[in-house]
């Protein structure tokens, strides 16, 4: 187990599940519609062994579902679970950051179009006032799970 799983921090816990190299790109490809092992391996150019390990981890953590689509030989497709679909907005936000701060030559490789038909750039907003949530507008405070220990020492300092 990596050290992230030992930290009492939601970000560390999330990184322990989806923060391994290649994992966000695997999830991106699945969101884009790739479901079969061979298609994922080809698109990413990743070794089959590494892809198999990442997919096994995502299945074990409930982010991806492995479902057989062929019996002889047995072949599987991989689908995002509810937890996997819930990470997509975070991937879109990461994409927006990449588009702003490290855009590949020629501009963004993908654009996002909402179901309303309009192109957009993801922005995190407050569900109460609609204001943008940024480093300048949000104040982190200890939550009900705050505890002294690795990953939460700053928040738990006043406990």
N, C-alpha and C. Protein backbone atom coordinates (compact mmCIF):
# COMPACT_ATOMS: atom_id res chain seq x y z
N UNK A 1 0.85 -1.19 0.00
CA UNK A 1 0.00 0.00 0.00
C UNK A 1 0.88 1.24 0.00
N UNK A 2 0.49 2.24 -0.81
CA UNK A 2 1.29 3.45 -0.82
C UNK A 2 0.96 4.30 0.41
N UNK A 3 1.76 5.27 0.66
CA UNK A 3 1.59 6.11 1.85
C UNK A 3 0.32 6.96 1.78
N UNK A 4 -0.20 7.20 0.58
CA UNK A 4 -1.41 8.01 0.46
C UNK A 4 -2.58 7.38 1.20
N UNK A 5 -2.69 6.05 1.15
CA UNK A 5 -3.78 5.36 1.82
C UNK A 5 -3.73 5.49 3.32
N UNK A 6 -2.59 5.86 3.87
CA UNK A 6 -2.43 6.03 5.32
C UNK A 6 -2.78 7.43 5.78
N UNK A 7 -2.89 8.37 4.84
CA UNK A 7 -3.16 9.76 5.20
C UNK A 7 -4.65 9.97 5.42
N UNK A 8 -4.95 10.75 6.43
CA UNK A 8 -6.33 11.08 6.77
C UNK A 8 -6.73 12.34 5.99
N UNK A 9 -6.79 12.19 4.68
CA UNK A 9 -7.02 13.34 3.78
C UNK A 9 -7.75 12.83 2.55
N UNK A 10 -8.84 13.49 2.18
CA UNK A 10 -9.62 13.05 1.03
C UNK A 10 -8.83 13.15 -0.28
N UNK A 11 -7.98 14.15 -0.41
CA UNK A 11 -7.17 14.27 -1.62
C UNK A 11 -6.19 13.12 -1.70
N UNK A 12 -5.52 12.81 -0.59
CA UNK A 12 -4.57 11.69 -0.57
C UNK A 12 -5.28 10.38 -0.87
N UNK A 13 -6.46 10.19 -0.33
CA UNK A 13 -7.22 8.96 -0.59
C UNK A 13 -7.56 8.87 -2.08
N UNK A 14 -7.98 9.98 -2.68
CA UNK A 14 -8.31 9.99 -4.11
C UNK A 14 -7.08 9.71 -4.95
N UNK A 15 -5.95 10.32 -4.59
CA UNK A 15 -4.71 10.09 -5.33
C UNK A 15 -4.32 8.61 -5.22
N UNK A 16 -4.56 7.99 -4.08
CA UNK A 16 -4.28 6.58 -3.92
C UNK A 16 -5.09 5.70 -4.86
N UNK A 17 -6.25 6.18 -5.27
CA UNK A 17 -7.11 5.41 -6.19
C UNK A 17 -6.84 5.78 -7.64
N UNK A 18 -6.80 7.08 -7.95
CA UNK A 18 -6.75 7.50 -9.36
C UNK A 18 -5.50 8.28 -9.74
N UNK A 19 -4.54 8.42 -8.82
CA UNK A 19 -3.39 9.27 -9.08
C UNK A 19 -2.17 8.58 -9.64
N UNK A 20 -2.23 7.28 -9.85
CA UNK A 20 -1.06 6.60 -10.43
C UNK A 20 -0.86 7.07 -11.86
N UNK A 21 0.40 7.12 -12.30
CA UNK A 21 0.64 7.48 -13.70
C UNK A 21 -0.18 6.59 -14.64
N UNK A 22 -0.71 7.16 -15.64
CA UNK A 22 -1.55 6.55 -16.68
C UNK A 22 -3.02 6.47 -16.29
N UNK A 23 -3.34 6.40 -15.00
CA UNK A 23 -4.73 6.18 -14.61
C UNK A 23 -5.67 7.28 -15.09
N UNK A 24 -5.35 8.57 -14.93
CA UNK A 24 -6.27 9.58 -15.45
C UNK A 24 -6.48 9.47 -16.97
N UNK A 25 -5.44 9.06 -17.68
CA UNK A 25 -5.58 8.91 -19.14
C UNK A 25 -6.41 7.70 -19.50
N UNK A 26 -6.32 6.64 -18.73
CA UNK A 26 -7.18 5.47 -18.93
C UNK A 26 -8.63 5.88 -18.70
N UNK A 27 -8.89 6.62 -17.62
CA UNK A 27 -10.25 7.07 -17.34
C UNK A 27 -10.75 8.02 -18.41
N UNK A 28 -9.87 8.88 -18.90
CA UNK A 28 -10.24 9.79 -20.01
C UNK A 28 -10.68 8.98 -21.22
N UNK A 29 -9.88 7.98 -21.59
CA UNK A 29 -10.22 7.16 -22.76
C UNK A 29 -11.53 6.42 -22.57
N UNK A 30 -11.78 5.96 -21.36
CA UNK A 30 -13.05 5.27 -21.10
C UNK A 30 -14.22 6.25 -21.22
N UNK A 31 -14.03 7.47 -20.73
CA UNK A 31 -15.06 8.50 -20.89
C UNK A 31 -15.30 8.79 -22.37
N UNK A 32 -14.25 8.75 -23.16
CA UNK A 32 -14.37 9.00 -24.60
C UNK A 32 -14.95 7.82 -25.36
N UNK A 33 -15.18 6.71 -24.66
CA UNK A 33 -15.87 5.58 -25.30
C UNK A 33 -15.05 4.33 -25.54
N UNK A 34 -13.77 4.35 -25.22
CA UNK A 34 -12.97 3.14 -25.38
C UNK A 34 -13.26 2.21 -24.20
N UNK A 35 -13.55 0.95 -24.51
CA UNK A 35 -13.94 0.02 -23.44
C UNK A 35 -13.13 -1.27 -23.46
N UNK A 36 -12.51 -1.56 -24.57
CA UNK A 36 -11.81 -2.84 -24.70
C UNK A 36 -10.32 -2.67 -24.45
N UNK A 37 -9.74 -3.68 -23.82
CA UNK A 37 -8.33 -3.66 -23.43
C UNK A 37 -7.43 -3.30 -24.61
N UNK A 38 -7.61 -3.98 -25.74
CA UNK A 38 -6.74 -3.73 -26.90
C UNK A 38 -6.85 -2.30 -27.39
N UNK A 39 -8.07 -1.76 -27.38
CA UNK A 39 -8.27 -0.37 -27.82
C UNK A 39 -7.58 0.62 -26.87
N UNK A 40 -7.69 0.36 -25.58
CA UNK A 40 -7.03 1.22 -24.59
C UNK A 40 -5.51 1.15 -24.75
N UNK A 41 -4.99 -0.07 -24.90
CA UNK A 41 -3.54 -0.25 -25.05
C UNK A 41 -3.04 0.46 -26.30
N UNK A 42 -3.77 0.32 -27.38
CA UNK A 42 -3.34 0.95 -28.64
C UNK A 42 -3.39 2.47 -28.56
N UNK A 43 -4.48 3.01 -28.02
CA UNK A 43 -4.61 4.47 -27.97
C UNK A 43 -3.56 5.10 -27.07
N UNK A 44 -3.29 4.46 -25.93
CA UNK A 44 -2.37 5.04 -24.96
C UNK A 44 -0.91 4.73 -25.26
N UNK A 45 -0.65 3.64 -26.00
CA UNK A 45 0.73 3.23 -26.22
C UNK A 45 1.37 2.73 -24.92
N UNK A 46 0.57 2.21 -24.03
CA UNK A 46 1.01 1.73 -22.73
C UNK A 46 1.29 0.24 -22.81
N UNK A 47 2.21 -0.26 -22.00
CA UNK A 47 2.49 -1.71 -22.01
C UNK A 47 1.25 -2.45 -21.51
N UNK A 48 1.04 -3.62 -22.04
CA UNK A 48 -0.13 -4.42 -21.68
C UNK A 48 -0.10 -4.79 -20.19
N UNK A 49 1.10 -5.09 -19.66
CA UNK A 49 1.21 -5.44 -18.24
C UNK A 49 0.81 -4.28 -17.35
N UNK A 50 1.29 -3.09 -17.69
CA UNK A 50 0.96 -1.91 -16.89
C UNK A 50 -0.53 -1.59 -16.99
N UNK A 51 -1.08 -1.66 -18.18
CA UNK A 51 -2.51 -1.41 -18.36
C UNK A 51 -3.32 -2.41 -17.55
N UNK A 52 -2.94 -3.67 -17.59
CA UNK A 52 -3.67 -4.70 -16.83
C UNK A 52 -3.64 -4.39 -15.34
N UNK A 53 -2.48 -3.98 -14.82
CA UNK A 53 -2.37 -3.64 -13.39
C UNK A 53 -3.25 -2.44 -13.05
N UNK A 54 -3.22 -1.41 -13.89
CA UNK A 54 -4.03 -0.22 -13.62
C UNK A 54 -5.53 -0.56 -13.66
N UNK A 55 -5.94 -1.35 -14.65
CA UNK A 55 -7.35 -1.73 -14.74
C UNK A 55 -7.77 -2.60 -13.56
N UNK A 56 -6.93 -3.54 -13.16
CA UNK A 56 -7.24 -4.37 -11.98
C UNK A 56 -7.43 -3.50 -10.74
N UNK A 57 -6.57 -2.49 -10.58
CA UNK A 57 -6.67 -1.57 -9.43
C UNK A 57 -7.98 -0.79 -9.50
N UNK A 58 -8.33 -0.29 -10.68
CA UNK A 58 -9.56 0.48 -10.83
C UNK A 58 -10.80 -0.37 -10.59
N UNK A 59 -10.75 -1.64 -11.00
CA UNK A 59 -11.85 -2.55 -10.73
C UNK A 59 -11.94 -2.82 -9.23
N UNK A 60 -10.80 -3.10 -8.60
CA UNK A 60 -10.76 -3.41 -7.16
C UNK A 60 -11.26 -2.25 -6.31
N UNK A 61 -11.04 -1.01 -6.75
CA UNK A 61 -11.46 0.16 -5.98
C UNK A 61 -12.86 0.65 -6.37
N UNK A 62 -13.51 -0.04 -7.30
CA UNK A 62 -14.88 0.30 -7.65
C UNK A 62 -15.05 1.45 -8.60
N UNK A 63 -13.98 1.85 -9.29
CA UNK A 63 -14.05 2.96 -10.24
C UNK A 63 -14.45 2.46 -11.62
N UNK A 64 -14.10 1.21 -11.91
CA UNK A 64 -14.35 0.60 -13.21
C UNK A 64 -14.98 -0.77 -12.99
N UNK A 65 -15.88 -1.14 -13.88
CA UNK A 65 -16.50 -2.46 -13.87
C UNK A 65 -15.94 -3.26 -15.05
N UNK A 66 -15.59 -4.51 -14.79
CA UNK A 66 -15.08 -5.42 -15.82
C UNK A 66 -16.22 -6.36 -16.19
N UNK A 67 -16.57 -6.38 -17.49
CA UNK A 67 -17.72 -7.16 -17.93
C UNK A 67 -17.33 -7.97 -19.17
N UNK A 68 -17.61 -9.29 -19.17
CA UNK A 68 -17.28 -10.09 -20.35
C UNK A 68 -18.17 -9.70 -21.54
N UNK A 69 -17.56 -9.64 -22.73
CA UNK A 69 -18.34 -9.38 -23.94
C UNK A 69 -18.18 -10.51 -24.95
N UNK A 70 -17.29 -11.45 -24.66
CA UNK A 70 -17.04 -12.59 -25.56
C UNK A 70 -16.64 -13.78 -24.69
N UNK A 71 -17.12 -14.98 -25.08
CA UNK A 71 -16.84 -16.16 -24.26
C UNK A 71 -15.65 -16.98 -24.73
N UNK A 72 -15.42 -17.12 -26.03
CA UNK A 72 -14.32 -17.96 -26.53
C UNK A 72 -13.48 -17.20 -27.53
N UNK A 73 -12.32 -16.75 -27.17
CA UNK A 73 -11.80 -16.72 -25.81
C UNK A 73 -12.50 -15.64 -24.99
N UNK A 74 -12.42 -15.76 -23.68
CA UNK A 74 -13.06 -14.77 -22.81
C UNK A 74 -12.36 -13.43 -22.98
N UNK A 75 -13.14 -12.42 -23.30
CA UNK A 75 -12.64 -11.05 -23.43
C UNK A 75 -13.58 -10.14 -22.64
N UNK A 76 -12.99 -9.10 -22.08
CA UNK A 76 -13.76 -8.20 -21.23
C UNK A 76 -13.75 -6.77 -21.78
N UNK A 77 -14.79 -6.05 -21.43
CA UNK A 77 -14.80 -4.61 -21.64
C UNK A 77 -14.81 -3.96 -20.27
N UNK A 78 -14.40 -2.71 -20.24
CA UNK A 78 -14.28 -1.97 -18.98
C UNK A 78 -15.18 -0.75 -19.07
N UNK A 79 -16.01 -0.58 -18.05
CA UNK A 79 -16.97 0.51 -18.03
C UNK A 79 -16.80 1.33 -16.76
N UNK A 80 -17.00 2.62 -16.86
CA UNK A 80 -16.96 3.47 -15.68
C UNK A 80 -18.16 3.16 -14.80
N UNK A 81 -17.93 2.98 -13.50
CA UNK A 81 -19.01 2.84 -12.54
C UNK A 81 -19.50 4.24 -12.18
N UNK A 82 -20.42 4.31 -11.23
CA UNK A 82 -20.87 5.63 -10.76
C UNK A 82 -19.69 6.42 -10.21
N UNK A 83 -18.81 5.74 -9.46
CA UNK A 83 -17.61 6.42 -8.93
C UNK A 83 -16.72 6.89 -10.08
N UNK A 84 -16.60 6.10 -11.13
CA UNK A 84 -15.80 6.48 -12.28
C UNK A 84 -16.40 7.66 -13.03
N UNK A 85 -17.71 7.66 -13.18
CA UNK A 85 -18.37 8.79 -13.85
C UNK A 85 -18.27 10.05 -12.99
N UNK A 86 -18.26 9.87 -11.66
CA UNK A 86 -18.14 11.04 -10.77
C UNK A 86 -16.77 11.70 -10.83
N UNK A 87 -15.75 10.99 -11.30
CA UNK A 87 -14.42 11.60 -11.41
C UNK A 87 -14.27 12.40 -12.71
N UNK A 88 -15.17 12.21 -13.66
CA UNK A 88 -15.06 12.89 -14.96
C UNK A 88 -15.03 14.42 -14.82
N UNK A 89 -15.88 15.05 -13.99
CA UNK A 89 -15.75 16.51 -13.85
C UNK A 89 -14.37 16.94 -13.35
N UNK A 90 -13.75 16.15 -12.48
CA UNK A 90 -12.40 16.49 -12.02
C UNK A 90 -11.41 16.38 -13.18
N UNK A 91 -11.59 15.38 -14.04
CA UNK A 91 -10.72 15.26 -15.22
C UNK A 91 -10.93 16.44 -16.17
N UNK A 92 -12.18 16.88 -16.31
CA UNK A 92 -12.46 18.04 -17.17
C UNK A 92 -11.81 19.30 -16.60
N UNK A 93 -11.83 19.44 -15.28
CA UNK A 93 -11.19 20.60 -14.64
C UNK A 93 -9.68 20.53 -14.83
N UNK A 94 -9.11 19.34 -14.70
CA UNK A 94 -7.67 19.16 -14.96
C UNK A 94 -7.35 19.49 -16.42
N UNK A 95 -8.23 19.09 -17.33
CA UNK A 95 -8.05 19.42 -18.74
C UNK A 95 -8.06 20.93 -18.96
N UNK A 96 -8.99 21.63 -18.29
CA UNK A 96 -9.06 23.09 -18.42
C UNK A 96 -7.77 23.73 -17.91
N UNK A 97 -7.23 23.21 -16.81
CA UNK A 97 -5.96 23.72 -16.30
C UNK A 97 -4.87 23.49 -17.34
N UNK A 98 -4.81 22.29 -17.92
CA UNK A 98 -3.82 22.00 -18.95
C UNK A 98 -3.97 22.90 -20.16
N UNK A 99 -5.22 23.16 -20.57
CA UNK A 99 -5.46 24.05 -21.71
C UNK A 99 -4.95 25.46 -21.42
N UNK A 100 -5.08 25.90 -20.18
CA UNK A 100 -4.65 27.26 -19.84
C UNK A 100 -3.15 27.36 -19.63
N UNK A 101 -2.55 26.38 -18.96
CA UNK A 101 -1.17 26.52 -18.52
C UNK A 101 -0.16 25.67 -19.27
N UNK A 102 -0.60 24.70 -20.02
CA UNK A 102 0.36 23.88 -20.78
C UNK A 102 -0.28 23.32 -22.05
N UNK A 103 -0.90 24.21 -22.79
CA UNK A 103 -1.57 23.82 -24.03
C UNK A 103 -0.57 23.26 -25.03
N UNK A 104 -0.90 22.11 -25.63
CA UNK A 104 -0.03 21.57 -26.67
C UNK A 104 0.02 22.52 -27.88
N UNK A 105 1.07 22.43 -28.70
CA UNK A 105 1.13 23.26 -29.91
C UNK A 105 -0.14 23.07 -30.75
N UNK A 106 -0.65 24.16 -31.25
CA UNK A 106 -1.85 24.10 -32.08
C UNK A 106 -3.14 24.31 -31.31
N UNK A 107 -3.04 24.37 -29.99
CA UNK A 107 -4.23 24.60 -29.19
C UNK A 107 -4.76 23.34 -28.53
N UNK A 108 -5.83 23.48 -27.78
CA UNK A 108 -6.39 22.34 -27.05
C UNK A 108 -6.77 21.21 -28.00
N UNK A 109 -6.44 19.97 -27.64
CA UNK A 109 -6.77 18.84 -28.49
C UNK A 109 -8.25 18.45 -28.44
N UNK A 110 -8.97 18.92 -27.43
CA UNK A 110 -10.40 18.61 -27.33
C UNK A 110 -11.12 19.82 -26.77
N UNK A 111 -12.38 19.95 -27.15
CA UNK A 111 -13.25 20.98 -26.61
C UNK A 111 -14.43 20.29 -25.96
N UNK A 112 -15.03 20.93 -24.99
CA UNK A 112 -16.17 20.35 -24.29
C UNK A 112 -17.45 21.07 -24.71
N UNK A 113 -18.48 20.28 -25.02
CA UNK A 113 -19.79 20.82 -25.38
C UNK A 113 -20.81 20.23 -24.42
N UNK A 114 -21.53 21.09 -23.73
CA UNK A 114 -22.54 20.68 -22.76
C UNK A 114 -23.78 20.17 -23.49
N UNK A 115 -24.66 19.48 -22.78
CA UNK A 115 -25.90 18.97 -23.38
C UNK A 115 -26.80 20.09 -23.90
N UNK A 116 -26.58 21.33 -23.48
CA UNK A 116 -27.35 22.46 -23.99
C UNK A 116 -26.87 22.87 -25.38
N UNK A 117 -25.75 22.26 -25.82
CA UNK A 117 -25.22 22.57 -27.15
C UNK A 117 -24.13 23.62 -27.17
N UNK A 118 -23.78 24.17 -26.03
CA UNK A 118 -22.79 25.24 -25.98
C UNK A 118 -21.44 24.71 -25.52
N UNK A 119 -20.38 25.22 -26.17
CA UNK A 119 -19.01 24.90 -25.75
C UNK A 119 -18.74 25.62 -24.43
N UNK A 120 -17.96 24.97 -23.54
CA UNK A 120 -17.67 25.58 -22.25
C UNK A 120 -16.32 25.15 -21.73
N UNK A 121 -15.82 25.92 -20.77
CA UNK A 121 -14.63 25.58 -20.01
C UNK A 121 -15.10 25.34 -18.58
N UNK A 122 -14.78 24.18 -18.00
CA UNK A 122 -15.27 23.89 -16.64
C UNK A 122 -14.76 24.90 -15.62
N UNK A 123 -15.64 25.28 -14.71
CA UNK A 123 -15.32 26.18 -13.62
C UNK A 123 -16.01 25.62 -12.37
N UNK A 124 -15.29 25.53 -11.27
CA UNK A 124 -15.89 25.09 -10.03
C UNK A 124 -16.59 26.28 -9.41
N UNK A 125 -17.86 26.08 -9.02
CA UNK A 125 -18.64 27.18 -8.45
C UNK A 125 -19.27 26.74 -7.13
N UNK A 126 -19.62 27.71 -6.33
CA UNK A 126 -20.32 27.48 -5.08
C UNK A 126 -21.78 27.14 -5.40
N UNK A 127 -22.30 26.06 -4.84
CA UNK A 127 -23.69 25.71 -5.14
C UNK A 127 -24.71 26.64 -4.48
N UNK A 128 -24.26 27.48 -3.56
CA UNK A 128 -25.18 28.37 -2.85
C UNK A 128 -25.33 29.72 -3.54
N UNK A 129 -24.18 30.34 -3.89
CA UNK A 129 -24.25 31.68 -4.48
C UNK A 129 -23.90 31.68 -5.97
N UNK A 130 -23.33 30.60 -6.47
CA UNK A 130 -22.94 30.54 -7.87
C UNK A 130 -21.59 31.18 -8.16
N UNK A 131 -20.95 31.72 -7.13
CA UNK A 131 -19.64 32.35 -7.32
C UNK A 131 -18.56 31.32 -7.61
N UNK A 132 -17.54 31.76 -8.32
CA UNK A 132 -16.43 30.88 -8.67
C UNK A 132 -15.65 30.49 -7.42
N UNK A 133 -15.32 29.21 -7.31
CA UNK A 133 -14.52 28.70 -6.19
C UNK A 133 -13.06 28.67 -6.62
N UNK A 134 -12.25 29.54 -6.03
CA UNK A 134 -10.83 29.64 -6.37
C UNK A 134 -10.00 29.63 -5.09
N UNK A 135 -8.70 29.64 -5.24
CA UNK A 135 -7.82 29.70 -4.07
C UNK A 135 -8.06 30.99 -3.28
N UNK A 136 -8.54 32.03 -3.94
CA UNK A 136 -8.78 33.30 -3.27
C UNK A 136 -10.16 33.38 -2.62
N UNK A 137 -11.12 32.55 -3.05
CA UNK A 137 -12.49 32.69 -2.56
C UNK A 137 -12.94 31.57 -1.63
N UNK A 138 -12.09 30.59 -1.38
CA UNK A 138 -12.47 29.45 -0.54
C UNK A 138 -11.54 29.36 0.66
N UNK A 139 -12.13 29.12 1.82
CA UNK A 139 -11.37 28.95 3.06
C UNK A 139 -11.57 27.53 3.56
N UNK A 140 -10.52 26.70 3.56
CA UNK A 140 -10.67 25.35 4.12
C UNK A 140 -10.71 25.42 5.65
N UNK A 141 -11.65 24.70 6.25
CA UNK A 141 -11.76 24.62 7.70
C UNK A 141 -11.86 23.14 8.09
N UNK A 142 -11.51 22.81 9.32
CA UNK A 142 -11.60 21.40 9.73
C UNK A 142 -13.01 20.86 9.58
N UNK A 143 -13.10 19.63 9.07
CA UNK A 143 -14.38 18.96 8.92
C UNK A 143 -14.58 17.94 10.02
N UNK A 144 -15.69 17.21 9.97
CA UNK A 144 -15.98 16.25 11.02
C UNK A 144 -14.95 15.11 11.11
N UNK A 145 -14.22 14.87 10.04
CA UNK A 145 -13.21 13.82 10.05
C UNK A 145 -11.81 14.31 10.31
N UNK A 146 -11.64 15.58 10.63
CA UNK A 146 -10.30 16.12 10.87
C UNK A 146 -9.66 15.39 12.04
N UNK A 147 -8.39 15.05 11.87
CA UNK A 147 -7.66 14.33 12.92
C UNK A 147 -6.19 14.68 12.81
N UNK A 148 -5.51 14.57 13.92
CA UNK A 148 -4.07 14.77 13.89
C UNK A 148 -3.44 13.58 13.18
N UNK A 149 -2.52 13.86 12.29
CA UNK A 149 -1.84 12.78 11.59
C UNK A 149 -1.37 13.21 10.23
N UNK A 150 -0.65 12.35 9.54
CA UNK A 150 -0.14 12.70 8.21
C UNK A 150 -1.27 13.12 7.27
N UNK A 151 -1.06 14.24 6.62
CA UNK A 151 -2.02 14.71 5.63
C UNK A 151 -3.05 15.69 6.15
N UNK A 152 -3.19 15.80 7.47
CA UNK A 152 -4.18 16.74 8.00
C UNK A 152 -3.64 17.57 9.15
N UNK A 153 -2.34 17.60 9.31
CA UNK A 153 -1.76 18.34 10.43
C UNK A 153 -2.14 19.81 10.40
N UNK A 154 -2.21 20.40 9.23
CA UNK A 154 -2.56 21.82 9.13
C UNK A 154 -3.99 22.05 9.59
N UNK A 155 -4.93 21.23 9.11
CA UNK A 155 -6.32 21.39 9.50
C UNK A 155 -6.57 21.03 10.95
N UNK A 156 -5.83 20.05 11.47
CA UNK A 156 -6.07 19.57 12.83
C UNK A 156 -5.27 20.34 13.87
N UNK A 157 -4.53 21.36 13.46
CA UNK A 157 -3.67 22.10 14.39
C UNK A 157 -4.45 22.68 15.56
N UNK A 158 -5.71 23.06 15.32
CA UNK A 158 -6.49 23.69 16.37
C UNK A 158 -7.33 22.69 17.17
N UNK A 159 -7.24 21.42 16.87
CA UNK A 159 -8.04 20.42 17.58
C UNK A 159 -7.50 20.14 18.95
